[in-house]
Amino acid sequence: PNNIIKGYLSVWIVSNNGKIFYRENVSFENPEGTNWLDIELPEDLNALSISCNQDGSLWVITCEGPILFRTEITTEV
């Protein structure tokens, strides 16, 4: 379709044990990426859910209650 807007792709996951991983080198030309990067959470928090917006903001809901928010997410993480 002609209405697809191309920007950078960002893939984030939460593992079964509450860790967050970011897929490196994901692009339209390489949608599989290359490897998973383990992202450390502060104060031994465990992630329950993660959401990334196209404006570069990232939300993490933790099992312990705090909600984490980060802006300006880029391909450099």
C-alpha atoms as a PDB file:
ATOM      1  CA  PRO A   1       0.000   0.000   0.000  1.00  0.00           C
ATOM      2  CA  ASN A   2       1.098   3.553  -0.728  1.00  0.00           C
ATOM      3  CA  ASN A   3       0.058   4.899   2.685  1.00  0.00           C
ATOM      4  CA  ILE A   4       2.760   3.060   4.693  1.00  0.00           C
ATOM      5  CA  ILE A   5       5.044   5.502   6.516  1.00  0.00           C
ATOM      6  CA  LYS A   6       8.580   4.194   6.856  1.00  0.00           C
ATOM      7  CA  GLY A   7      10.559   5.042   9.975  1.00  0.00           C
ATOM      8  CA  TYR A   8      12.745   2.912  12.152  1.00  0.00           C
ATOM      9  CA  LEU A   9      11.456  -0.299  13.663  1.00  0.00           C
ATOM     10  CA  SER A  10      11.723  -1.048  17.362  1.00  0.00           C
ATOM     11  CA  VAL A  11      11.112  -4.462  18.921  1.00  0.00           C
ATOM     12  CA  TRP A  12      10.883  -4.879  22.704  1.00  0.00           C
ATOM     13  CA  ILE A  13       9.811  -7.920  24.713  1.00  0.00           C
ATOM     14  CA  VAL A  14       9.249  -8.945  28.317  1.00  0.00           C
ATOM     15  CA  SER A  15      10.448 -12.433  29.230  1.00  0.00           C
ATOM     16  CA  ASN A  16       8.570 -14.837  31.493  1.00  0.00           C
ATOM     17  CA  ASN A  17      10.841 -13.858  34.392  1.00  0.00           C
ATOM     18  CA  GLY A  18      10.292 -10.082  34.021  1.00  0.00           C
ATOM     19  CA  LYS A  19      13.387  -9.089  32.054  1.00  0.00           C
ATOM     20  CA  ILE A  20      13.271  -6.662  29.132  1.00  0.00           C
ATOM     21  CA  PHE A  21      15.014  -7.333  25.839  1.00  0.00           C
ATOM     22  CA  TYR A  22      15.541  -5.105  22.787  1.00  0.00           C
ATOM     23  CA  ARG A  23      16.125  -6.553  19.319  1.00  0.00           C
ATOM     24  CA  GLU A  24      19.171  -4.930  17.709  1.00  0.00           C
ATOM     25  CA  ASN A  25      19.545  -3.931  14.060  1.00  0.00           C
ATOM     26  CA  VAL A  26      15.895  -4.360  13.099  1.00  0.00           C
ATOM     27  CA  SER A  27      15.044  -2.491   9.894  1.00  0.00           C
ATOM     28  CA  PHE A  28      12.735  -2.758   6.913  1.00  0.00           C
ATOM     29  CA  GLU A  29      15.600  -4.396   5.040  1.00  0.00           C
ATOM     30  CA  ASN A  30      16.436  -6.708   7.993  1.00  0.00           C
ATOM     31  CA  PRO A  31      13.170  -7.288   9.915  1.00  0.00           C
ATOM     32  CA  GLU A  32      14.642 -10.214  11.876  1.00  0.00           C
ATOM     33  CA  GLY A  33      17.354  -8.054  13.453  1.00  0.00           C
ATOM     34  CA  THR A  34      20.582  -9.599  14.697  1.00  0.00           C
ATOM     35  CA  ASN A  35      20.466 -10.313  18.434  1.00  0.00           C
ATOM     36  CA  TRP A  36      18.675  -9.573  21.703  1.00  0.00           C
ATOM     37  CA  LEU A  37      20.093  -6.968  24.082  1.00  0.00           C
ATOM     38  CA  ASP A  38      19.279  -7.407  27.789  1.00  0.00           C
ATOM     39  CA  ILE A  39      18.022  -4.082  29.216  1.00  0.00           C
ATOM     40  CA  GLU A  40      18.622  -3.637  32.938  1.00  0.00           C
ATOM     41  CA  LEU A  41      15.816  -2.311  35.094  1.00  0.00           C
ATOM     42  CA  PRO A  42      16.532  -0.169  38.163  1.00  0.00           C
ATOM     43  CA  GLU A  43      16.379  -1.536  41.700  1.00  0.00           C
ATOM     44  CA  ASP A  44      15.743  -5.163  40.725  1.00  0.00           C
ATOM     45  CA  LEU A  45      12.299  -4.421  39.329  1.00  0.00           C
ATOM     46  CA  ASN A  46      10.565  -7.016  37.148  1.00  0.00           C
ATOM     47  CA  ALA A  47       8.639  -5.963  34.052  1.00  0.00           C
ATOM     48  CA  LEU A  48       5.066  -7.073  33.521  1.00  0.00           C
ATOM     49  CA  SER A  49       4.282  -5.165  30.308  1.00  0.00           C
ATOM     50  CA  ILE A  50       6.068  -2.884  27.838  1.00  0.00           C
ATOM     51  CA  SER A  51       4.797  -0.453  25.208  1.00  0.00           C
ATOM     52  CA  CYS A  52       6.706   1.652  22.694  1.00  0.00           C
ATOM     53  CA  ASN A  53       5.162   4.556  20.775  1.00  0.00           C
ATOM     54  CA  GLN A  54       6.247   5.839  17.389  1.00  0.00           C
ATOM     55  CA  ASP A  55       7.252   9.143  19.027  1.00  0.00           C
ATOM     56  CA  GLY A  56      10.124   7.333  20.791  1.00  0.00           C
ATOM     57  CA  SER A  57       8.568   6.947  24.244  1.00  0.00           C
ATOM     58  CA  LEU A  58       8.648   3.694  26.173  1.00  0.00           C
ATOM     59  CA  TRP A  59       6.366   2.635  29.053  1.00  0.00           C
ATOM     60  CA  VAL A  60       7.091  -0.277  31.388  1.00  0.00           C
ATOM     61  CA  ILE A  61       4.641  -1.555  33.991  1.00  0.00           C
ATOM     62  CA  THR A  62       6.453  -3.484  36.702  1.00  0.00           C
ATOM     63  CA  CYS A  63       5.237  -6.359  38.863  1.00  0.00           C
ATOM     64  CA  GLU A  64       6.189  -4.382  41.962  1.00  0.00           C
ATOM     65  CA  GLY A  65       3.951  -1.412  41.101  1.00  0.00           C
ATOM     66  CA  PRO A  66       6.120   1.403  39.698  1.00  0.00           C
ATOM     67  CA  ILE A  67       5.571   2.489  36.110  1.00  0.00           C
ATOM     68  CA  LEU A  68       8.724   3.454  34.225  1.00  0.00           C
ATOM     69  CA  PHE A  69       8.701   5.978  31.369  1.00  0.00           C
ATOM     70  CA  ARG A  70      11.513   6.883  28.995  1.00  0.00           C
ATOM     71  CA  THR A  71      11.573   9.288  26.068  1.00  0.00           C
ATOM     72  CA  GLU A  72      13.787   9.634  23.015  1.00  0.00           C
ATOM     73  CA  ILE A  73      14.210   5.913  22.326  1.00  0.00           C
ATOM     74  CA  THR A  74      16.304   5.498  19.197  1.00  0.00           C
ATOM     75  CA  THR A  75      18.011   2.704  17.303  1.00  0.00           C
ATOM     76  CA  GLU A  76      20.901   3.278  19.716  1.00  0.00           C
ATOM     77  CA  VAL A  77      18.597   2.354  22.674  1.00  0.00           C
END
